[in-house]
PDB file of N, CA and C in Angstrom:
ATOM      1  N   THR A   1     -62.293  80.754 137.860  1.00  0.00           N
ATOM      2  CA  THR A   1     -63.031  81.655 138.754  1.00  0.00           C
ATOM      3  C   THR A   1     -62.666  82.146 139.714  1.00  0.00           C
ATOM      4  N   LEU A   2     -63.224  83.319 140.439  1.00  0.00           N
ATOM      5  CA  LEU A   2     -62.516  83.926 141.075  1.00  0.00           C
ATOM      6  C   LEU A   2     -63.719  83.736 142.420  1.00  0.00           C
ATOM      7  N   LYS A   3     -62.810  83.559 143.710  1.00  0.00           N
ATOM      8  CA  LYS A   3     -63.712  83.332 144.728  1.00  0.00           C
ATOM      9  C   LYS A   3     -63.483  84.692 145.785  1.00  0.00           C
ATOM     10  N   PRO A   4     -64.442  84.907 146.480  1.00  0.00           N
ATOM     11  CA  PRO A   4     -64.871  86.093 147.293  1.00  0.00           C
ATOM     12  C   PRO A   4     -63.671  85.974 148.336  1.00  0.00           C
ATOM     13  N   VAL A   5     -62.940  86.896 148.886  1.00  0.00           N
ATOM     14  CA  VAL A   5     -62.011  87.154 149.867  1.00  0.00           C
ATOM     15  C   VAL A   5     -62.802  87.683 150.971  1.00  0.00           C
ATOM     16  N   SER A   6     -63.335  86.944 152.232  1.00  0.00           N
ATOM     17  CA  SER A   6     -63.445  87.739 153.198  1.00  0.00           C
ATOM     18  C   SER A   6     -62.392  88.306 154.254  1.00  0.00           C
ATOM     19  N   SER A   7     -62.845  89.158 154.759  1.00  0.00           N
ATOM     20  CA  SER A   7     -61.912  90.137 155.601  1.00  0.00           C
ATOM     21  C   SER A   7     -61.306  89.141 156.680  1.00  0.00           C
ATOM     22  N   GLU A   8     -62.320  88.251 157.248  1.00  0.00           N
ATOM     23  CA  GLU A   8     -62.026  87.284 158.268  1.00  0.00           C
ATOM     24  C   GLU A   8     -60.513  86.276 158.055  1.00  0.00           C
ATOM     25  N   SER A   9     -60.222  86.171 156.840  1.00  0.00           N
ATOM     26  CA  SER A   9     -59.446  85.355 156.461  1.00  0.00           C
ATOM     27  C   SER A   9     -58.007  85.636 156.248  1.00  0.00           C
ATOM     28  N   THR A  10     -58.358  87.219 155.555  1.00  0.00           N
ATOM     29  CA  THR A  10     -56.854  87.929 155.104  1.00  0.00           C
ATOM     30  C   THR A  10     -56.599  88.885 156.294  1.00  0.00           C
ATOM     31  N   PRO A  11     -55.595  88.827 156.936  1.00  0.00           N
ATOM     32  CA  PRO A  11     -55.161  89.593 157.468  1.00  0.00           C
ATOM     33  C   PRO A  11     -54.825  91.090 157.229  1.00  0.00           C
ATOM     34  N   LEU A  12     -55.342  92.133 157.801  1.00  0.00           N
ATOM     35  CA  LEU A  12     -54.995  93.459 157.554  1.00  0.00           C
ATOM     36  C   LEU A  12     -53.536  94.202 157.867  1.00  0.00           C
ATOM     37  N   PRO A  13     -52.933  94.686 157.005  1.00  0.00           N
ATOM     38  CA  PRO A  13     -51.545  95.198 157.149  1.00  0.00           C
ATOM     39  C   PRO A  13     -51.432  96.198 158.626  1.00  0.00           C
ATOM     40  N   GLU A  14     -50.417  95.913 159.300  1.00  0.00           N
ATOM     41  CA  GLU A  14     -50.342  96.465 160.465  1.00  0.00           C
ATOM     42  C   GLU A  14     -50.177  97.746 160.119  1.00  0.00           C
ATOM     43  N   LYS A  15     -50.633  98.884 161.065  1.00  0.00           N
ATOM     44  CA  LYS A  15     -50.424 100.271 160.830  1.00  0.00           C
ATOM     45  C   LYS A  15     -48.916 100.739 161.371  1.00  0.00           C
ATOM     46  N   LYS A  16     -48.299 101.551 160.827  1.00  0.00           N
ATOM     47  CA  LYS A  16     -46.677 102.046 161.123  1.00  0.00           C
ATOM     48  C   LYS A  16     -47.113 103.068 162.196  1.00  0.00           C
ATOM     49  N   SER A  17     -46.349 102.964 163.005  1.00  0.00           N
ATOM     50  CA  SER A  17     -46.125 103.960 163.883  1.00  0.00           C
ATOM     51  C   SER A  17     -45.966 105.373 163.351  1.00  0.00           C
ATOM     52  N   PRO A  18     -46.497 106.502 164.015  1.00  0.00           N
ATOM     53  CA  PRO A  18     -45.734 107.898 163.298  1.00  0.00           C
ATOM     54  C   PRO A  18     -44.430 107.876 163.393  1.00  0.00           C
ATOM     55  N   VAL A  19     -43.950 108.818 162.548  1.00  0.00           N
ATOM     56  CA  VAL A  19     -42.174 109.347 163.097  1.00  0.00           C
ATOM     57  C   VAL A  19     -42.261 110.174 164.152  1.00  0.00           C
ATOM     58  N   LYS A  20     -41.378 109.989 165.229  1.00  0.00           N
ATOM     59  CA  LYS A  20     -41.217 110.567 166.472  1.00  0.00           C
ATOM     60  C   LYS A  20     -40.089 111.648 165.938  1.00  0.00           C
ATOM     61  N   CYS A  21     -40.866 112.714 166.290  1.00  0.00           N
ATOM     62  CA  CYS A  21     -40.164 114.065 166.246  1.00  0.00           C
ATOM     63  C   CYS A  21     -39.647 114.450 167.874  1.00  0.00           C
ATOM     64  N   PRO A  22     -38.472 115.263 167.439  1.00  0.00           N
ATOM     65  CA  PRO A  22     -38.333 115.971 168.779  1.00  0.00           C
ATOM     66  C   PRO A  22     -39.120 116.930 169.220  1.00  0.00           C
ATOM     67  N   PRO A  23     -39.481 116.833 170.877  1.00  0.00           N
ATOM     68  CA  PRO A  23     -40.149 117.975 170.938  1.00  0.00           C
ATOM     69  C   PRO A  23     -39.826 119.441 170.637  1.00  0.00           C
ATOM     70  N   LYS A  24     -40.938 120.161 170.448  1.00  0.00           N
ATOM     71  CA  LYS A  24     -40.498 121.773 170.015  1.00  0.00           C
ATOM     72  C   LYS A  24     -39.508 122.544 170.960  1.00  0.00           C
ATOM     73  N   SER A  25     -39.825 121.876 172.129  1.00  0.00           N
ATOM     74  CA  SER A  25     -38.608 122.839 172.902  1.00  0.00           C
ATOM     75  C   SER A  25     -37.536 122.146 173.216  1.00  0.00           C
ATOM     76  N   THR A  26     -37.022 121.736 171.987  1.00  0.00           N
ATOM     77  CA  THR A  26     -35.552 120.820 171.877  1.00  0.00           C
ATOM     78  C   THR A  26     -34.902 122.161 171.843  1.00  0.00           C
ATOM     79  N   LYS A  27     -33.529 122.279 172.575  1.00  0.00           N
ATOM     80  CA  LYS A  27     -32.450 123.235 172.282  1.00  0.00           C
ATOM     81  C   LYS A  27     -31.285 122.982 171.467  1.00  0.00           C
ATOM     82  N   VAL A  28     -31.044 123.259 170.668  1.00  0.00           N
ATOM     83  CA  VAL A  28     -30.000 122.720 169.936  1.00  0.00           C
ATOM     84  C   VAL A  28     -28.674 123.543 169.586  1.00  0.00           C
ATOM     85  N   LEU A  29     -27.549 123.022 169.842  1.00  0.00           N
ATOM     86  CA  LEU A  29     -26.201 123.641 169.521  1.00  0.00           C
ATOM     87  C   LEU A  29     -25.875 123.402 168.341  1.00  0.00           C
ATOM     88  N   TYR A  30     -25.168 124.127 167.485  1.00  0.00           N
ATOM     89  CA  TYR A  30     -24.658 123.195 166.259  1.00  0.00           C
ATOM     90  C   TYR A  30     -23.559 123.961 165.774  1.00  0.00           C
ATOM     91  N   ALA A  31     -22.449 123.214 165.813  1.00  0.00           N
ATOM     92  CA  ALA A  31     -20.986 123.746 165.652  1.00  0.00           C
ATOM     93  C   ALA A  31     -20.449 123.439 164.202  1.00  0.00           C
ATOM     94  N   GLU A  32     -20.390 124.159 163.112  1.00  0.00           N
ATOM     95  CA  GLU A  32     -20.090 123.827 162.044  1.00  0.00           C
ATOM     96  C   GLU A  32     -19.282 125.046 161.283  1.00  0.00           C
ATOM     97  N   ASP A  33     -18.321 125.132 160.498  1.00  0.00           N
ATOM     98  CA  ASP A  33     -17.760 126.093 160.052  1.00  0.00           C
ATOM     99  C   ASP A  33     -18.128 126.054 158.453  1.00  0.00           C
ATOM    100  N   ASN A  34     -19.399 125.098 157.692  1.00  0.00           N
ATOM    101  CA  ASN A  34     -19.178 124.957 156.557  1.00  0.00           C
ATOM    102  C   ASN A  34     -20.867 125.654 156.753  1.00  0.00           C
ATOM    103  N   LEU A  35     -20.894 126.883 155.556  1.00  0.00           N
ATOM    104  CA  LEU A  35     -22.183 127.587 155.615  1.00  0.00           C
ATOM    105  C   LEU A  35     -23.303 126.778 155.135  1.00  0.00           C
ATOM    106  N   VAL A  36     -22.912 125.500 154.141  1.00  0.00           N
ATOM    107  CA  VAL A  36     -23.897 124.879 153.473  1.00  0.00           C
ATOM    108  C   VAL A  36     -24.405 123.759 153.993  1.00  0.00           C
ATOM    109  N   ASN A  37     -23.434 123.375 154.893  1.00  0.00           N
ATOM    110  CA  ASN A  37     -23.769 122.458 156.147  1.00  0.00           C
ATOM    111  C   ASN A  37     -24.752 122.916 157.217  1.00  0.00           C
ATOM    112  N   GLN A  38     -24.141 124.285 157.491  1.00  0.00           N
ATOM    113  CA  GLN A  38     -25.486 125.059 158.406  1.00  0.00           C
ATOM    114  C   GLN A  38     -26.564 125.144 157.740  1.00  0.00           C
ATOM    115  N   LYS A  39     -26.796 125.622 156.885  1.00  0.00           N
ATOM    116  CA  LYS A  39     -28.035 125.707 156.101  1.00  0.00           C
ATOM    117  C   LYS A  39     -28.855 124.489 156.174  1.00  0.00           C
ATOM    118  N   VAL A  40     -28.497 123.264 155.717  1.00  0.00           N
ATOM    119  CA  VAL A  40     -28.927 121.929 155.468  1.00  0.00           C
ATOM    120  C   VAL A  40     -29.599 121.357 156.760  1.00  0.00           C
ATOM    121  N   LEU A  41     -28.828 121.451 157.858  1.00  0.00           N
ATOM    122  CA  LEU A  41     -29.344 120.945 158.922  1.00  0.00           C
ATOM    123  C   LEU A  41     -30.114 121.584 159.722  1.00  0.00           C
ATOM    124  N   GLU A  42     -29.898 123.087 159.708  1.00  0.00           N
ATOM    125  CA  GLU A  42     -31.078 124.173 160.446  1.00  0.00           C
ATOM    126  C   GLU A  42     -32.460 123.797 159.042  1.00  0.00           C
ATOM    127  N   ARG A  43     -32.205 123.656 158.309  1.00  0.00           N
ATOM    128  CA  ARG A  43     -33.433 123.530 157.465  1.00  0.00           C
ATOM    129  C   ARG A  43     -34.407 121.847 157.876  1.00  0.00           C
ATOM    130  N   VAL A  44     -33.412 120.870 158.265  1.00  0.00           N
ATOM    131  CA  VAL A  44     -34.020 119.577 158.589  1.00  0.00           C
ATOM    132  C   VAL A  44     -34.763 119.794 160.267  1.00  0.00           C
ATOM    133  N   LEU A  45     -33.678 120.410 161.110  1.00  0.00           N
ATOM    134  CA  LEU A  45     -34.235 120.299 162.343  1.00  0.00           C
ATOM    135  C   LEU A  45     -35.554 121.166 162.189  1.00  0.00           C
ATOM    136  N   LYS A  46     -35.697 122.293 161.394  1.00  0.00           N
ATOM    137  CA  LYS A  46     -36.798 123.047 161.401  1.00  0.00           C
ATOM    138  C   LYS A  46     -37.983 122.480 160.799  1.00  0.00           C
ATOM    139  N   ARG A  47     -37.535 121.556 159.846  1.00  0.00           N
ATOM    140  CA  ARG A  47     -38.952 120.637 159.416  1.00  0.00           C
ATOM    141  C   ARG A  47     -39.413 119.572 160.391  1.00  0.00           C
ATOM    142  N   LEU A  48     -38.574 119.554 161.218  1.00  0.00           N
ATOM    143  CA  LEU A  48     -38.709 118.403 162.194  1.00  0.00           C
ATOM    144  C   LEU A  48     -39.537 119.148 163.467  1.00  0.00           C
ATOM    145  N   GLY A  49     -39.672 120.486 163.729  1.00  0.00           N
ATOM    146  CA  GLY A  49     -40.399 121.100 164.466  1.00  0.00           C
ATOM    147  C   GLY A  49     -39.341 121.815 165.437  1.00  0.00           C
ATOM    148  N   VAL A  50     -38.251 121.796 165.380  1.00  0.00           N
ATOM    149  CA  VAL A  50     -37.007 122.531 166.199  1.00  0.00           C
ATOM    150  C   VAL A  50     -37.050 123.842 165.841  1.00  0.00           C
ATOM    151  N   SER A  51     -36.994 124.734 166.676  1.00  0.00           N
ATOM    152  CA  SER A  51     -37.026 126.211 166.188  1.00  0.00           C
ATOM    153  C   SER A  51     -35.662 126.972 167.193  1.00  0.00           C
ATOM    154  N   ASP A  52     -35.453 126.503 168.200  1.00  0.00           N
ATOM    155  CA  ASP A  52     -34.608 126.852 169.440  1.00  0.00           C
ATOM    156  C   ASP A  52     -33.377 126.264 168.726  1.00  0.00           C
ATOM    157  N   ILE A  53     -32.644 126.886 167.443  1.00  0.00           N
ATOM    158  CA  ILE A  53     -31.453 126.313 166.950  1.00  0.00           C
ATOM    159  C   ILE A  53     -30.280 127.544 167.078  1.00  0.00           C
ATOM    160  N   THR A  54     -29.356 127.158 167.949  1.00  0.00           N
ATOM    161  CA  THR A  54     -28.013 128.125 167.796  1.00  0.00           C
ATOM    162  C   THR A  54     -26.922 127.612 166.951  1.00  0.00           C
ATOM    163  N   ILE A  55     -25.999 128.636 166.176  1.00  0.00           N
ATOM    164  CA  ILE A  55     -25.200 128.238 164.965  1.00  0.00           C
ATOM    165  C   ILE A  55     -23.899 129.052 165.503  1.00  0.00           C
ATOM    166  N   VAL A  56     -22.754 127.928 165.435  1.00  0.00           N
ATOM    167  CA  VAL A  56     -21.510 128.819 165.566  1.00  0.00           C
ATOM    168  C   VAL A  56     -20.367 128.246 164.505  1.00  0.00           C
ATOM    169  N   ASP A  57     -19.428 128.873 164.547  1.00  0.00           N
ATOM    170  CA  ASP A  57     -18.598 128.280 163.352  1.00  0.00           C
ATOM    171  C   ASP A  57     -17.362 127.928 163.887  1.00  0.00           C
ATOM    172  N   ASN A  58     -16.965 127.712 165.059  1.00  0.00           N
ATOM    173  CA  ASN A  58     -16.186 126.882 165.755  1.00  0.00           C
ATOM    174  C   ASN A  58     -16.184 126.287 167.109  1.00  0.00           C
ATOM    175  N   GLY A  59     -15.453 125.581 167.674  1.00  0.00           N
ATOM    176  CA  GLY A  59     -15.559 124.936 168.667  1.00  0.00           C
ATOM    177  C   GLY A  59     -15.493 125.903 170.060  1.00  0.00           C
ATOM    178  N   LEU A  60     -14.487 126.898 170.013  1.00  0.00           N
ATOM    179  CA  LEU A  60     -14.414 127.604 171.069  1.00  0.00           C
ATOM    180  C   LEU A  60     -15.817 128.419 171.410  1.00  0.00           C
ATOM    181  N   LYS A  61     -16.283 128.826 170.290  1.00  0.00           N
ATOM    182  CA  LYS A  61     -17.597 129.539 170.565  1.00  0.00           C
ATOM    183  C   LYS A  61     -18.850 128.558 171.265  1.00  0.00           C
ATOM    184  N   ALA A  62     -18.607 127.118 170.756  1.00  0.00           N
ATOM    185  CA  ALA A  62     -19.441 126.257 171.151  1.00  0.00           C
ATOM    186  C   ALA A  62     -19.437 126.143 172.637  1.00  0.00           C
ATOM    187  N   VAL A  63     -17.942 125.972 173.133  1.00  0.00           N
ATOM    188  CA  VAL A  63     -17.591 125.808 174.683  1.00  0.00           C
ATOM    189  C   VAL A  63     -18.073 127.138 175.398  1.00  0.00           C
ATOM    190  N   GLN A  64     -17.897 128.350 174.800  1.00  0.00           N
ATOM    191  CA  GLN A  64     -18.121 129.432 175.612  1.00  0.00           C
ATOM    192  C   GLN A  64     -19.691 129.392 175.680  1.00  0.00           C
ATOM    193  N   LEU A  65     -20.797 128.965 174.912  1.00  0.00           N
ATOM    194  CA  LEU A  65     -21.873 129.402 174.966  1.00  0.00           C
ATOM    195  C   LEU A  65     -22.388 128.034 176.077  1.00  0.00           C
ATOM    196  N   CYS A  66     -21.642 126.829 176.025  1.00  0.00           N
ATOM    197  CA  CYS A  66     -22.293 126.108 176.644  1.00  0.00           C
ATOM    198  C   CYS A  66     -21.957 126.230 178.295  1.00  0.00           C
ATOM    199  N   GLU A  67     -21.049 127.425 178.378  1.00  0.00           N
ATOM    200  CA  GLU A  67     -20.834 127.933 180.161  1.00  0.00           C
ATOM    201  C   GLU A  67     -21.929 128.596 180.217  1.00  0.00           C
ATOM    202  N   THR A  68     -22.865 128.906 179.785  1.00  0.00           N
ATOM    203  CA  THR A  68     -23.822 130.249 180.014  1.00  0.00           C
ATOM    204  C   THR A  68     -25.330 129.204 179.656  1.00  0.00           C
ATOM    205  N   ASN A  69     -25.476 128.330 178.917  1.00  0.00           N
ATOM    206  CA  ASN A  69     -26.591 127.536 178.050  1.00  0.00           C
ATOM    207  C   ASN A  69     -26.353 126.377 178.128  1.00  0.00           C
ATOM    208  N   LYS A  70     -27.524 125.704 178.593  1.00  0.00           N
ATOM    209  CA  LYS A  70     -27.644 124.379 178.739  1.00  0.00           C
ATOM    210  C   LYS A  70     -28.803 123.842 177.432  1.00  0.00           C
ATOM    211  N   TYR A  71     -28.006 122.830 176.621  1.00  0.00           N
ATOM    212  CA  TYR A  71     -28.423 122.563 175.133  1.00  0.00           C
ATOM    213  C   TYR A  71     -28.999 120.709 175.283  1.00  0.00           C
ATOM    214  N   ASP A  72     -30.059 120.689 174.517  1.00  0.00           N
ATOM    215  CA  ASP A  72     -30.640 119.220 174.805  1.00  0.00           C
ATOM    216  C   ASP A  72     -29.509 118.447 173.734  1.00  0.00           C
ATOM    217  N   CYS A  73     -29.135 119.041 172.760  1.00  0.00           N
ATOM    218  CA  CYS A  73     -28.425 118.108 171.924  1.00  0.00           C
ATOM    219  C   CYS A  73     -27.676 119.161 171.158  1.00  0.00           C
ATOM    220  N   ILE A  74     -26.286 118.618 170.967  1.00  0.00           N
ATOM    221  CA  ILE A  74     -24.914 119.442 170.225  1.00  0.00           C
ATOM    222  C   ILE A  74     -24.482 118.587 169.295  1.00  0.00           C
ATOM    223  N   PHE A  75     -24.686 119.266 168.030  1.00  0.00           N
ATOM    224  CA  PHE A  75     -24.129 118.535 166.707  1.00  0.00           C
ATOM    225  C   PHE A  75     -22.599 119.577 166.605  1.00  0.00           C
ATOM    226  N   MET A  76     -21.629 118.289 166.477  1.00  0.00           N
ATOM    227  CA  MET A  76     -20.431 119.277 166.245  1.00  0.00           C
ATOM    228  C   MET A  76     -19.633 118.580 165.392  1.00  0.00           C
ATOM    229  N   ASP A  77     -18.995 119.504 164.337  1.00  0.00           N
ATOM    230  CA  ASP A  77     -18.193 119.134 163.335  1.00  0.00           C
ATOM    231  C   ASP A  77     -17.017 118.976 163.909  1.00  0.00           C
ATOM    232  N   MET A  78     -16.093 117.990 163.472  1.00  0.00           N
ATOM    233  CA  MET A  78     -14.490 117.394 163.840  1.00  0.00           C
ATOM    234  C   MET A  78     -13.871 118.521 163.735  1.00  0.00           C
ATOM    235  N   GLN A  79     -13.610 118.940 162.384  1.00  0.00           N
ATOM    236  CA  GLN A  79     -12.334 119.917 162.003  1.00  0.00           C
ATOM    237  C   GLN A  79     -13.113 121.136 161.605  1.00  0.00           C
ATOM    238  N   MET A  80     -12.676 122.229 162.704  1.00  0.00           N
ATOM    239  CA  MET A  80     -12.927 123.482 162.604  1.00  0.00           C
ATOM    240  C   MET A  80     -11.898 124.696 163.041  1.00  0.00           C
ATOM    241  N   PRO A  81     -12.044 125.802 162.600  1.00  0.00           N
ATOM    242  CA  PRO A  81     -10.673 126.823 162.874  1.00  0.00           C
ATOM    243  C   PRO A  81     -11.070 126.755 164.066  1.00  0.00           C
ATOM    244  N   VAL A  82     -10.059 127.298 164.709  1.00  0.00           N
ATOM    245  CA  VAL A  82     -10.088 128.102 166.300  1.00  0.00           C
ATOM    246  C   VAL A  82      -9.676 126.709 167.073  1.00  0.00           C
ATOM    247  N   MET A  83     -10.793 125.836 167.093  1.00  0.00           N
ATOM    248  CA  MET A  83     -11.091 124.866 168.105  1.00  0.00           C
ATOM    249  C   MET A  83     -11.441 123.707 167.742  1.00  0.00           C
ATOM    250  N   ASP A  84     -11.029 122.695 167.483  1.00  0.00           N
ATOM    251  CA  ASP A  84     -11.795 121.353 166.574  1.00  0.00           C
ATOM    252  C   ASP A  84     -12.821 121.014 167.810  1.00  0.00           C
ATOM    253  N   GLY A  85     -13.459 119.905 167.100  1.00  0.00           N
ATOM    254  CA  GLY A  85     -14.721 119.451 167.790  1.00  0.00           C
ATOM    255  C   GLY A  85     -14.410 118.711 168.684  1.00  0.00           C
ATOM    256  N   LEU A  86     -13.287 117.729 168.752  1.00  0.00           N
ATOM    257  CA  LEU A  86     -12.841 116.785 170.055  1.00  0.00           C
ATOM    258  C   LEU A  86     -12.395 117.716 171.002  1.00  0.00           C
ATOM    259  N   GLU A  87     -11.862 118.740 171.178  1.00  0.00           N
ATOM    260  CA  GLU A  87     -11.220 119.590 171.980  1.00  0.00           C
ATOM    261  C   GLU A  87     -12.414 120.154 172.466  1.00  0.00           C
ATOM    262  N   ALA A  88     -13.178 120.729 171.659  1.00  0.00           N
ATOM    263  CA  ALA A  88     -14.719 121.139 171.975  1.00  0.00           C
ATOM    264  C   ALA A  88     -15.546 120.158 173.119  1.00  0.00           C
ATOM    265  N   CYS A  89     -15.615 119.423 172.534  1.00  0.00           N
ATOM    266  CA  CYS A  89     -16.548 118.416 173.205  1.00  0.00           C
ATOM    267  C   CYS A  89     -15.732 117.799 174.645  1.00  0.00           C
ATOM    268  N   GLU A  90     -14.675 117.832 174.811  1.00  0.00           N
ATOM    269  CA  GLU A  90     -13.698 117.419 175.887  1.00  0.00           C
ATOM    270  C   GLU A  90     -14.247 118.545 176.903  1.00  0.00           C
ATOM    271  N   ARG A  91     -13.763 119.818 176.486  1.00  0.00           N
ATOM    272  CA  ARG A  91     -14.008 121.101 177.577  1.00  0.00           C
ATOM    273  C   ARG A  91     -15.723 121.195 178.084  1.00  0.00           C
ATOM    274  N   ILE A  92     -16.539 120.917 176.760  1.00  0.00           N
ATOM    275  CA  ILE A  92     -17.793 120.958 177.707  1.00  0.00           C
ATOM    276  C   ILE A  92     -18.377 119.984 178.356  1.00  0.00           C
ATOM    277  N   MET A  93     -17.507 118.757 178.434  1.00  0.00           N
ATOM    278  CA  MET A  93     -17.958 117.533 179.238  1.00  0.00           C
ATOM    279  C   MET A  93     -17.119 118.022 180.437  1.00  0.00           C
ATOM    280  N   ALA A  94     -16.171 118.660 180.658  1.00  0.00           N
ATOM    281  CA  ALA A  94     -15.293 118.610 181.546  1.00  0.00           C
ATOM    282  C   ALA A  94     -15.734 119.278 182.855  1.00  0.00           C
ATOM    283  N   PRO A  95     -16.760 120.224 183.096  1.00  0.00           N
ATOM    284  CA  PRO A  95     -17.320 120.700 184.435  1.00  0.00           C
ATOM    285  C   PRO A  95     -18.117 119.679 185.124  1.00  0.00           C
ATOM    286  N   ASP A  96     -18.646 118.536 184.369  1.00  0.00           N
ATOM    287  CA  ASP A  96     -19.649 117.723 184.918  1.00  0.00           C
ATOM    288  C   ASP A  96     -19.527 116.452 184.207  1.00  0.00           C
ATOM    289  N   PRO A  97     -18.308 115.320 184.390  1.00  0.00           N
ATOM    290  CA  PRO A  97     -18.371 114.485 183.443  1.00  0.00           C
ATOM    291  C   PRO A  97     -19.464 113.476 183.507  1.00  0.00           C
ATOM    292  N   LYS A  98     -20.189 113.745 184.655  1.00  0.00           N
ATOM    293  CA  LYS A  98     -21.200 112.478 184.866  1.00  0.00           C
ATOM    294  C   LYS A  98     -22.740 113.197 184.448  1.00  0.00           C
ATOM    295  N   GLU A  99     -22.549 114.424 184.050  1.00  0.00           N
ATOM    296  CA  GLU A  99     -23.922 114.644 183.395  1.00  0.00           C
ATOM    297  C   GLU A  99     -24.009 113.987 181.766  1.00  0.00           C
ATOM    298  N   LYS A 100     -25.347 114.027 181.594  1.00  0.00           N
ATOM    299  CA  LYS A 100     -25.545 113.217 180.173  1.00  0.00           C
ATOM    300  C   LYS A 100     -25.640 114.230 179.216  1.00  0.00           C
ATOM    301  N   LYS A 101     -25.014 114.311 178.294  1.00  0.00           N
ATOM    302  CA  LYS A 101     -25.004 115.462 177.057  1.00  0.00           C
ATOM    303  C   LYS A 101     -25.087 114.774 175.897  1.00  0.00           C
ATOM    304  N   GLY A 102     -25.858 114.978 175.208  1.00  0.00           N
ATOM    305  CA  GLY A 102     -26.110 114.565 173.688  1.00  0.00           C
ATOM    306  C   GLY A 102     -25.462 115.016 172.680  1.00  0.00           C
ATOM    307  N   PHE A 103     -24.467 114.408 172.188  1.00  0.00           N
ATOM    308  CA  PHE A 103     -23.608 114.670 171.294  1.00  0.00           C
ATOM    309  C   PHE A 103     -23.800 114.046 169.927  1.00  0.00           C
ATOM    310  N   VAL A 104     -23.681 114.783 168.891  1.00  0.00           N
ATOM    311  CA  VAL A 104     -23.605 114.037 167.442  1.00  0.00           C
ATOM    312  C   VAL A 104     -22.394 114.785 166.726  1.00  0.00           C
ATOM    313  N   THR A 105     -21.667 114.011 166.415  1.00  0.00           N
ATOM    314  CA  THR A 105     -20.129 114.425 165.561  1.00  0.00           C
ATOM    315  C   THR A 105     -20.185 114.092 164.235  1.00  0.00           C
ATOM    316  N   ALA A 106     -19.514 114.868 163.357  1.00  0.00           N
ATOM    317  CA  ALA A 106     -19.164 114.399 161.895  1.00  0.00           C
ATOM    318  C   ALA A 106     -17.716 114.393 161.415  1.00  0.00           C
ATOM    319  N   HIS A 107     -17.329 113.785 160.814  1.00  0.00           N
ATOM    320  CA  HIS A 107     -15.773 113.600 160.349  1.00  0.00           C
ATOM    321  C   HIS A 107     -15.581 113.100 159.150  1.00  0.00           C
ATOM    322  N   ALA A 108     -15.681 113.794 158.102  1.00  0.00           N
ATOM    323  CA  ALA A 108     -15.359 112.991 156.754  1.00  0.00           C
ATOM    324  C   ALA A 108     -14.248 112.487 156.523  1.00  0.00           C
TER     325      ALA A 108
END
């Protein structure tokens, strides 16, 4: 025989907190020489609501943009033509090493 189950004796599952997305005002710089990778990350970021995305194909261009623009997050490939990601990160940090900058790097 089945016994009725009361809601008092059975705890309800906890609600999961919603996925936190970056603010829509997040300004992103993406340095990547591979066109497929550029498109993939751009789509992911747009689905998360980020619309201010600047994409460049080498580290030197990233450094030049950082001289005149401020970014909330910088995605940096490590192996690129003209200037690699490591040197670009070092140059971007050089003017103010104490300033916090968000970098995400990739190296396969």
